[in-house]
N, C-alpha and C. Protein backbone atom coordinates (compact mmCIF):
# COMPACT_ATOMS: atom_id res chain seq x y z
N MET A 1 0.83 -1.16 0.00
CA MET A 1 0.00 0.00 0.00
C MET A 1 0.89 1.23 0.00
N LYS A 2 0.49 2.17 -0.84
CA LYS A 2 1.25 3.40 -0.99
C LYS A 2 0.72 4.45 -0.03
N ILE A 3 1.66 5.11 0.66
CA ILE A 3 1.28 6.21 1.54
C ILE A 3 1.59 7.50 0.81
N LYS A 4 0.58 8.29 0.71
CA LYS A 4 0.76 9.57 0.03
C LYS A 4 1.27 10.59 1.05
N SER A 5 2.34 11.21 0.69
CA SER A 5 2.86 12.24 1.57
C SER A 5 2.46 13.62 1.05
N HIS A 6 2.01 14.40 1.92
CA HIS A 6 1.61 15.76 1.56
C HIS A 6 2.78 16.68 1.89
N PRO A 7 2.97 17.67 1.05
CA PRO A 7 4.05 18.60 1.36
C PRO A 7 3.78 19.29 2.70
N MET A 8 4.81 19.41 3.49
CA MET A 8 4.69 20.03 4.80
C MET A 8 4.43 21.53 4.65
N ALA A 9 3.46 22.01 5.36
CA ALA A 9 3.19 23.45 5.36
C ALA A 9 4.23 24.13 6.26
N SER A 10 4.72 25.24 5.82
CA SER A 10 5.72 25.94 6.63
C SER A 10 5.04 26.55 7.85
N ALA A 11 5.66 26.43 8.96
CA ALA A 11 5.11 26.95 10.21
C ALA A 11 5.59 28.39 10.39
N GLU A 12 4.67 29.32 10.25
CA GLU A 12 5.00 30.74 10.43
C GLU A 12 4.25 31.25 11.64
N MET A 13 4.96 31.96 12.43
CA MET A 13 4.35 32.50 13.64
C MET A 13 3.77 33.88 13.32
N ASP A 14 2.56 34.13 13.80
CA ASP A 14 1.93 35.43 13.61
C ASP A 14 2.50 36.38 14.66
N MET A 15 3.23 37.40 14.23
CA MET A 15 3.89 38.33 15.14
C MET A 15 3.00 39.51 15.55
N THR A 16 1.83 39.61 14.99
CA THR A 16 0.96 40.75 15.29
C THR A 16 0.66 40.87 16.79
N PRO A 17 0.24 39.80 17.48
CA PRO A 17 -0.01 39.96 18.93
C PRO A 17 1.25 40.36 19.71
N MET A 18 2.40 39.85 19.29
CA MET A 18 3.65 40.20 19.98
C MET A 18 3.94 41.69 19.82
N MET A 19 3.72 42.21 18.63
CA MET A 19 3.96 43.65 18.39
C MET A 19 2.94 44.49 19.15
N ASP A 20 1.70 44.03 19.23
CA ASP A 20 0.68 44.76 20.00
C ASP A 20 1.08 44.86 21.47
N VAL A 21 1.53 43.75 22.03
CA VAL A 21 1.94 43.76 23.44
C VAL A 21 3.13 44.69 23.64
N THR A 22 4.08 44.67 22.71
CA THR A 22 5.26 45.53 22.80
C THR A 22 4.86 47.01 22.80
N PHE A 23 3.99 47.39 21.90
CA PHE A 23 3.56 48.79 21.84
C PHE A 23 2.74 49.17 23.06
N GLN A 24 1.97 48.24 23.60
CA GLN A 24 1.23 48.51 24.84
C GLN A 24 2.19 48.77 26.00
N LEU A 25 3.26 47.98 26.07
CA LEU A 25 4.26 48.19 27.12
C LEU A 25 4.97 49.53 26.97
N ILE A 26 5.31 49.88 25.74
CA ILE A 26 5.95 51.18 25.50
C ILE A 26 5.03 52.31 25.96
N ALA A 27 3.76 52.22 25.58
CA ALA A 27 2.80 53.26 25.97
C ALA A 27 2.66 53.31 27.48
N PHE A 28 2.61 52.16 28.14
CA PHE A 28 2.49 52.11 29.60
C PHE A 28 3.67 52.79 30.27
N PHE A 29 4.90 52.45 29.84
CA PHE A 29 6.07 53.03 30.49
C PHE A 29 6.21 54.52 30.20
N MET A 30 5.73 54.96 29.07
CA MET A 30 5.75 56.40 28.78
C MET A 30 4.79 57.13 29.72
N MET A 31 3.69 56.51 30.05
CA MET A 31 2.71 57.16 30.91
C MET A 31 3.16 57.21 32.37
N VAL A 32 3.89 56.21 32.83
CA VAL A 32 4.25 56.17 34.24
C VAL A 32 5.64 56.75 34.52
N THR A 33 6.36 57.14 33.50
CA THR A 33 7.68 57.71 33.69
C THR A 33 7.57 59.08 34.34
N ASN A 34 8.46 59.35 35.28
CA ASN A 34 8.47 60.63 35.98
C ASN A 34 9.26 61.63 35.12
N PHE A 35 8.55 62.54 34.49
CA PHE A 35 9.20 63.51 33.63
C PHE A 35 9.62 64.76 34.39
N GLU A 36 9.35 64.84 35.68
CA GLU A 36 9.71 66.02 36.45
C GLU A 36 11.22 66.24 36.48
N GLN A 37 11.97 65.16 36.47
CA GLN A 37 13.42 65.28 36.56
C GLN A 37 14.05 65.75 35.25
N THR A 38 13.26 65.88 34.19
CA THR A 38 13.85 66.29 32.92
C THR A 38 14.38 67.71 32.97
N GLN A 39 13.85 68.54 33.86
CA GLN A 39 14.32 69.91 33.96
C GLN A 39 15.39 70.06 35.04
N ALA A 40 15.74 68.99 35.67
CA ALA A 40 16.77 69.02 36.70
C ALA A 40 18.15 68.93 36.06
N ASP A 41 19.08 69.68 36.58
CA ASP A 41 20.45 69.65 36.09
C ASP A 41 21.30 68.95 37.14
N GLU A 42 22.01 67.92 36.74
CA GLU A 42 22.77 67.13 37.71
C GLU A 42 23.95 67.88 38.29
N ARG A 43 24.33 69.01 37.69
CA ARG A 43 25.44 69.80 38.23
C ARG A 43 25.02 70.58 39.47
N VAL A 44 23.72 70.69 39.70
CA VAL A 44 23.20 71.43 40.85
C VAL A 44 23.01 70.46 42.01
N ARG A 45 23.69 70.74 43.11
CA ARG A 45 23.55 69.92 44.33
C ARG A 45 22.61 70.66 45.27
N LEU A 46 21.39 70.20 45.34
CA LEU A 46 20.39 70.88 46.15
C LEU A 46 20.71 70.83 47.63
N ALA A 47 20.30 71.86 48.33
CA ALA A 47 20.44 71.89 49.78
C ALA A 47 19.47 70.87 50.37
N ALA A 48 19.86 70.29 51.50
CA ALA A 48 19.00 69.33 52.18
C ALA A 48 18.33 70.01 53.38
N ASP A 49 17.05 69.72 53.55
CA ASP A 49 16.31 70.32 54.66
C ASP A 49 15.24 69.33 55.11
N ALA A 50 15.05 69.23 56.42
CA ALA A 50 14.06 68.32 56.97
C ALA A 50 12.64 68.76 56.63
N LEU A 51 12.45 70.05 56.38
CA LEU A 51 11.12 70.57 56.08
C LEU A 51 10.77 70.51 54.60
N ALA A 52 11.73 70.15 53.76
CA ALA A 52 11.46 70.08 52.32
C ALA A 52 10.48 68.96 52.03
N LYS A 53 9.53 69.25 51.17
CA LYS A 53 8.58 68.22 50.75
C LYS A 53 8.12 68.54 49.33
N PRO A 54 7.71 67.52 48.60
CA PRO A 54 7.25 67.76 47.24
C PRO A 54 5.95 68.55 47.25
N PRO A 55 5.70 69.30 46.19
CA PRO A 55 4.45 70.08 46.15
C PRO A 55 3.24 69.14 46.15
N GLU A 56 2.19 69.58 46.81
CA GLU A 56 0.97 68.76 46.87
C GLU A 56 0.19 68.81 45.58
N VAL A 57 0.29 69.93 44.87
CA VAL A 57 -0.43 70.10 43.62
C VAL A 57 0.58 70.44 42.53
N LYS A 58 0.45 69.79 41.39
CA LYS A 58 1.33 70.07 40.26
C LYS A 58 1.07 71.49 39.76
N LEU A 59 2.15 72.24 39.58
CA LEU A 59 2.02 73.61 39.10
C LEU A 59 1.62 73.61 37.63
N ALA A 60 0.68 74.47 37.29
CA ALA A 60 0.21 74.52 35.91
C ALA A 60 1.27 75.09 34.98
N HIS A 61 1.89 76.18 35.40
CA HIS A 61 2.92 76.82 34.59
C HIS A 61 4.14 77.08 35.48
N GLU A 62 5.24 76.46 35.12
CA GLU A 62 6.45 76.67 35.91
C GLU A 62 7.64 76.90 35.00
N LEU A 63 8.51 77.77 35.45
CA LEU A 63 9.77 78.06 34.78
C LEU A 63 10.87 77.59 35.71
N VAL A 64 11.54 76.49 35.35
CA VAL A 64 12.55 75.89 36.22
C VAL A 64 13.92 76.48 35.88
N ILE A 65 14.59 77.02 36.91
CA ILE A 65 15.90 77.63 36.74
C ILE A 65 16.90 76.87 37.61
N ASN A 66 18.00 76.44 37.00
CA ASN A 66 19.06 75.72 37.70
C ASN A 66 20.24 76.66 37.91
N ILE A 67 20.61 76.90 39.16
CA ILE A 67 21.74 77.77 39.49
C ILE A 67 22.78 76.93 40.23
N GLY A 68 23.99 76.91 39.70
CA GLY A 68 25.02 76.09 40.34
C GLY A 68 26.41 76.49 39.88
N TYR A 69 27.35 75.62 40.13
CA TYR A 69 28.76 75.89 39.84
C TYR A 69 29.30 74.88 38.83
N ARG A 70 30.29 75.33 38.10
CA ARG A 70 31.08 74.40 37.30
C ARG A 70 31.94 73.63 38.28
N ARG A 71 31.98 72.33 38.12
CA ARG A 71 32.77 71.48 39.02
C ARG A 71 33.65 70.54 38.22
N ASN A 72 34.78 70.15 38.82
CA ASN A 72 35.65 69.17 38.17
C ASN A 72 35.16 67.76 38.52
N LYS A 73 35.90 66.75 38.09
CA LYS A 73 35.48 65.36 38.30
C LYS A 73 35.40 64.99 39.78
N GLU A 74 36.21 65.64 40.60
CA GLU A 74 36.19 65.36 42.03
C GLU A 74 35.04 66.06 42.74
N GLY A 75 34.34 66.95 42.07
CA GLY A 75 33.23 67.67 42.66
C GLY A 75 33.59 69.01 43.25
N ASN A 76 34.84 69.45 43.03
CA ASN A 76 35.26 70.75 43.54
C ASN A 76 34.90 71.85 42.56
N LYS A 77 34.58 73.02 43.12
CA LYS A 77 34.22 74.16 42.27
C LYS A 77 35.42 74.59 41.43
N VAL A 78 35.16 74.81 40.14
CA VAL A 78 36.19 75.30 39.23
C VAL A 78 36.18 76.82 39.21
N ASP A 79 35.00 77.39 39.42
CA ASP A 79 34.81 78.84 39.38
C ASP A 79 34.03 79.24 40.62
N ASP A 80 34.38 80.38 41.23
CA ASP A 80 33.70 80.81 42.45
C ASP A 80 32.35 81.48 42.18
N GLN A 81 32.10 81.90 40.96
CA GLN A 81 30.84 82.56 40.64
C GLN A 81 29.85 81.53 40.10
N PRO A 82 28.59 81.56 40.59
CA PRO A 82 27.61 80.59 40.11
C PRO A 82 27.11 80.93 38.70
N PHE A 83 26.58 79.91 38.06
CA PHE A 83 26.03 80.04 36.72
C PHE A 83 24.57 79.64 36.73
N VAL A 84 23.82 80.18 35.78
CA VAL A 84 22.48 79.68 35.49
C VAL A 84 22.66 78.70 34.34
N PHE A 85 22.30 77.44 34.58
CA PHE A 85 22.47 76.41 33.57
C PHE A 85 21.22 76.33 32.71
N VAL A 86 21.39 76.63 31.45
CA VAL A 86 20.34 76.53 30.45
C VAL A 86 20.82 75.46 29.48
N PRO A 87 19.94 74.63 28.93
CA PRO A 87 20.42 73.60 28.00
C PRO A 87 21.33 74.20 26.93
N GLY A 88 22.58 73.76 26.93
CA GLY A 88 23.55 74.22 25.94
C GLY A 88 24.28 75.50 26.31
N GLU A 89 23.91 76.13 27.43
CA GLU A 89 24.54 77.40 27.81
C GLU A 89 24.77 77.45 29.32
N GLU A 90 25.74 78.26 29.69
CA GLU A 90 25.99 78.59 31.10
C GLU A 90 26.13 80.10 31.17
N LEU A 91 25.20 80.74 31.86
CA LEU A 91 25.21 82.20 31.96
C LEU A 91 25.38 82.62 33.40
N ARG A 92 26.10 83.71 33.61
CA ARG A 92 26.20 84.29 34.96
C ARG A 92 24.82 84.85 35.32
N ILE A 93 24.57 84.99 36.59
CA ILE A 93 23.25 85.45 37.03
C ILE A 93 22.88 86.80 36.42
N PRO A 94 23.75 87.82 36.43
CA PRO A 94 23.35 89.10 35.80
C PRO A 94 23.12 88.99 34.29
N GLU A 95 23.80 88.05 33.63
CA GLU A 95 23.62 87.87 32.19
C GLU A 95 22.27 87.25 31.84
N PHE A 96 21.60 86.69 32.83
CA PHE A 96 20.33 86.00 32.59
C PHE A 96 19.14 86.97 32.56
N ARG A 97 19.38 88.23 32.87
CA ARG A 97 18.30 89.23 32.92
C ARG A 97 17.50 89.29 31.62
N ASN A 98 18.20 89.37 30.49
CA ASN A 98 17.50 89.45 29.20
C ASN A 98 16.74 88.17 28.90
N ARG A 99 17.29 87.03 29.30
CA ARG A 99 16.61 85.75 29.08
C ARG A 99 15.30 85.69 29.86
N LEU A 100 15.30 86.25 31.07
CA LEU A 100 14.07 86.29 31.86
C LEU A 100 13.00 87.13 31.17
N LYS A 101 13.42 88.24 30.60
CA LYS A 101 12.46 89.09 29.88
C LYS A 101 11.92 88.35 28.66
N GLN A 102 12.77 87.59 27.98
CA GLN A 102 12.31 86.80 26.83
C GLN A 102 11.32 85.72 27.27
N GLU A 103 11.60 85.07 28.38
CA GLU A 103 10.69 84.05 28.91
C GLU A 103 9.33 84.68 29.24
N ALA A 104 9.36 85.86 29.84
CA ALA A 104 8.11 86.56 30.17
C ALA A 104 7.33 86.86 28.89
N GLN A 105 8.01 87.30 27.85
CA GLN A 105 7.34 87.58 26.58
C GLN A 105 6.75 86.31 25.98
N LEU A 106 7.47 85.18 26.10
CA LEU A 106 6.95 83.92 25.57
C LEU A 106 5.66 83.51 26.26
N TYR A 107 5.62 83.66 27.57
CA TYR A 107 4.39 83.33 28.29
C TYR A 107 3.25 84.25 27.88
N GLN A 108 3.54 85.52 27.67
CA GLN A 108 2.51 86.46 27.26
C GLN A 108 2.00 86.13 25.85
N VAL A 109 2.89 85.69 24.97
CA VAL A 109 2.47 85.29 23.62
C VAL A 109 1.56 84.06 23.69
N LYS A 110 1.83 83.17 24.65
CA LYS A 110 1.01 81.98 24.84
C LYS A 110 -0.29 82.30 25.59
N ALA A 111 -0.51 83.55 25.89
CA ALA A 111 -1.69 84.02 26.63
C ALA A 111 -1.74 83.45 28.04
N VAL A 112 -0.57 83.31 28.66
CA VAL A 112 -0.47 82.88 30.05
C VAL A 112 -0.12 84.11 30.89
N LYS A 113 -0.93 84.38 31.90
CA LYS A 113 -0.65 85.52 32.76
C LYS A 113 0.60 85.22 33.58
N LEU A 114 1.48 86.21 33.72
CA LEU A 114 2.71 86.00 34.48
C LEU A 114 2.46 85.73 35.96
N GLU A 115 1.32 86.19 36.48
CA GLU A 115 1.02 85.89 37.88
C GLU A 115 0.64 84.42 38.08
N ASP A 116 0.39 83.69 36.98
CA ASP A 116 0.09 82.26 37.06
C ASP A 116 1.34 81.39 36.89
N VAL A 117 2.47 82.01 36.56
CA VAL A 117 3.71 81.28 36.32
C VAL A 117 4.53 81.28 37.62
N THR A 118 4.98 80.10 38.02
CA THR A 118 5.84 79.97 39.19
C THR A 118 7.27 79.75 38.73
N VAL A 119 8.18 80.59 39.19
CA VAL A 119 9.60 80.42 38.89
C VAL A 119 10.16 79.48 39.95
N VAL A 120 10.54 78.28 39.53
CA VAL A 120 11.09 77.27 40.43
C VAL A 120 12.61 77.37 40.36
N ILE A 121 13.22 77.73 41.49
CA ILE A 121 14.67 77.93 41.54
C ILE A 121 15.30 76.71 42.19
N ARG A 122 16.13 76.03 41.41
CA ARG A 122 16.92 74.89 41.91
C ARG A 122 18.33 75.41 42.10
N ALA A 123 18.64 75.90 43.28
CA ALA A 123 19.95 76.48 43.55
C ALA A 123 20.84 75.49 44.28
N ASP A 124 22.10 75.45 43.88
CA ASP A 124 23.10 74.63 44.55
C ASP A 124 23.18 75.05 46.01
N ALA A 125 23.48 74.10 46.89
CA ALA A 125 23.56 74.39 48.32
C ALA A 125 24.64 75.41 48.63
N ASP A 126 25.66 75.52 47.78
CA ASP A 126 26.77 76.45 48.02
C ASP A 126 26.51 77.86 47.48
N VAL A 127 25.44 78.05 46.73
CA VAL A 127 25.14 79.39 46.19
C VAL A 127 24.71 80.29 47.34
N PRO A 128 25.36 81.44 47.51
CA PRO A 128 24.97 82.35 48.59
C PRO A 128 23.52 82.82 48.44
N ALA A 129 22.86 82.97 49.58
CA ALA A 129 21.46 83.40 49.58
C ALA A 129 21.29 84.75 48.89
N GLY A 130 22.30 85.61 49.01
CA GLY A 130 22.22 86.93 48.37
C GLY A 130 22.14 86.83 46.86
N GLN A 131 22.80 85.85 46.28
CA GLN A 131 22.74 85.70 44.83
C GLN A 131 21.39 85.13 44.39
N VAL A 132 20.80 84.27 45.21
CA VAL A 132 19.45 83.77 44.92
C VAL A 132 18.46 84.93 45.01
N GLN A 133 18.66 85.80 46.03
CA GLN A 133 17.79 86.97 46.16
C GLN A 133 17.95 87.91 44.97
N GLU A 134 19.17 88.06 44.49
CA GLU A 134 19.42 88.88 43.30
C GLU A 134 18.65 88.31 42.10
N PHE A 135 18.66 86.98 41.97
CA PHE A 135 17.93 86.35 40.87
C PHE A 135 16.43 86.58 41.01
N ILE A 136 15.92 86.46 42.23
CA ILE A 136 14.48 86.70 42.46
C ILE A 136 14.13 88.14 42.11
N GLN A 137 14.99 89.09 42.48
CA GLN A 137 14.74 90.49 42.17
C GLN A 137 14.72 90.71 40.65
N MET A 138 15.64 90.08 39.94
CA MET A 138 15.64 90.19 38.47
C MET A 138 14.35 89.61 37.90
N SER A 139 13.87 88.52 38.48
CA SER A 139 12.64 87.89 38.01
C SER A 139 11.44 88.81 38.26
N GLN A 140 11.46 89.49 39.39
CA GLN A 140 10.38 90.42 39.68
C GLN A 140 10.40 91.60 38.71
N GLU A 141 11.58 92.04 38.32
CA GLU A 141 11.69 93.11 37.33
C GLU A 141 11.13 92.67 35.98
N ALA A 142 11.20 91.35 35.71
CA ALA A 142 10.64 90.81 34.46
C ALA A 142 9.15 90.52 34.62
N LYS A 143 8.57 90.89 35.77
CA LYS A 143 7.14 90.79 36.07
C LYS A 143 6.67 89.41 36.52
N PHE A 144 7.60 88.53 36.94
CA PHE A 144 7.19 87.27 37.54
C PHE A 144 6.86 87.54 39.00
N GLU A 145 5.86 86.84 39.54
CA GLU A 145 5.41 87.12 40.90
C GLU A 145 5.52 85.94 41.86
N LYS A 146 5.45 84.71 41.36
CA LYS A 146 5.47 83.53 42.23
C LYS A 146 6.83 82.84 42.14
N PHE A 147 7.30 82.38 43.30
CA PHE A 147 8.61 81.72 43.35
C PHE A 147 8.54 80.50 44.26
N ALA A 148 9.33 79.51 43.92
CA ALA A 148 9.48 78.31 44.76
C ALA A 148 10.94 77.90 44.72
N LEU A 149 11.44 77.50 45.88
CA LEU A 149 12.83 77.03 45.98
C LEU A 149 12.81 75.53 46.17
N LYS A 150 13.62 74.82 45.40
CA LYS A 150 13.71 73.36 45.51
C LYS A 150 14.82 72.98 46.47
N ALA A 151 14.57 71.98 47.27
CA ALA A 151 15.57 71.40 48.17
C ALA A 151 15.26 69.91 48.25
N LYS A 152 16.26 69.14 48.61
CA LYS A 152 15.99 67.72 48.79
C LYS A 152 15.70 67.48 50.25
N GLN A 153 14.84 66.51 50.50
CA GLN A 153 14.42 66.22 51.86
C GLN A 153 15.51 65.43 52.57
N SER A 154 15.91 65.91 53.73
CA SER A 154 16.96 65.20 54.49
C SER A 154 16.30 64.11 55.32
N ALA A 155 17.11 63.16 55.74
CA ALA A 155 16.58 62.02 56.50
C ALA A 155 16.28 62.36 57.95
N ASP A 156 16.72 63.52 58.42
CA ASP A 156 16.53 63.91 59.83
C ASP A 156 15.08 64.06 60.18
């Protein structure tokens, strides 16, 4: 008796469900990722305080400013004067005056009232309080009214 052999069908796996699951995971991780740290500059070493706590309500409009020092690999200051770190630039505090005015104009073009914008200052722990006050005064001259200082919470 003759046995008829049928050509074997090639076994192909349907990758559509695998791709769907992959894209679902990508979307999930994008949604749960903490994007708050994107405006943080690692060169700024925040002061630690036992009273520091995260804001209870997310600010609708915030302008995050990083003030710190240029440091070498060991973490020592290279320059005694602090800088305002802007992506791609390092400006001295007095040099940032025009940039603040430009930021104020941008918010006004977007139809955002400057009294609704909070200037969040992330100042290095070594930056003298007088220089932070100078920055706040410059911000007030640019018509900003709300300010918040960032610090990391100490374990005490």
